[in-house]
């Protein structure tokens, strides 16, 4: 039969290492299968007595049935766990809002732009969808308040501090620009931009790239030909009522690029309006931007009619300049230009009718 070995160790104090730990001495004894009873008796009687007298710690490599109660072992492990030191549970500190004073410096709490912090803002702010017909969620753990930008760093007191800090780097306002008229006279070009605040994936809005440039044509150095040509080139961008040219640029992705493009367009329009092409001398009365009574067929016909009327009355001494500068001719000229340029309105037609009747000496009844 195969041999089974039994080993036991003696923890003797005379065999020790340098650190003071006890060394163990092991003994191996061959046993046959028929000696199981002897082995059990030896384990129950001899080994405990030997261990208690000599301080021996024994162990066996042989297979043995499991002994002992499971409940007893569980109670022993539970008692050992109670004797172990418990983990320290850290209590959360109270929010900062409970320790804030009423007269504190808010610019020190929110010095720059930052996300919403519920433990810092001493306000009962609520935001979000109300659940079950209740009130919106509280500020603590509210993601809606964190996602959106805020202006808690731009309070009136903080703005005053910023202005006071920048005052040393600024110059005084020029005394000559004491009114809006003076500002428009010295700085005729007006630039309009806009910034947007929105909730999205980016804080930048595509509409912020748009630049609008406005300038009055009366402030530009233009003669009659250049002014009319510039109005013809810009089309609907010119407002006749306010005499303002408006250029809106949004083709480029950046605001700076659109600003440079707007100035480039104004420069090109200004220099192009001063050019006189060869085909411009071939313009007829129908091609004119507006009706001009000078050098028109109407002027020639009117002077010829007045000359015949004076000749029939016996007045042979006629002066062309006197006829043109007379009040009757000036009234007819202004009424005809208004009718041609502004359209056939009731007032323009009435003025034209009265000027013709006075010019031809017709009676009011007719």
Foldseek 3Di string as FASTA:
>chain_A
DDWDKWKWWFQAQVDADPVRGTDIDMDIDTDDPVCPVVVVVCVVPVVVVVCVVRVTDTDTPDDDDDDDDPVVVVVVVVVVVVVDDDDDDDDDDQFPLVVDDPPDDQCVLVVDWAFDDVSRDNDFDFDDDDDPPDGGDTPVPDVVRRQFTDCSNPDPVNVVVVCVVCVVVDDDDDPQPPDPVSCCLVPFKDKDFDQDGDGDPDRHDQRRLKIKIKGAPVSDPDDPQLVQVLCVVQDPQADPVVNMGMDMFRPDRHNVVRVVVVVVVVVVSNVVSPDDDPCVVVDDQVRDPAHAPPPDVVVVVLLVVVCVVCVVVPNPDDDPVCVCPDPLNVQLRVLVRCCGGVHDDPVSVVSNVVSVCVSVVHDPVD
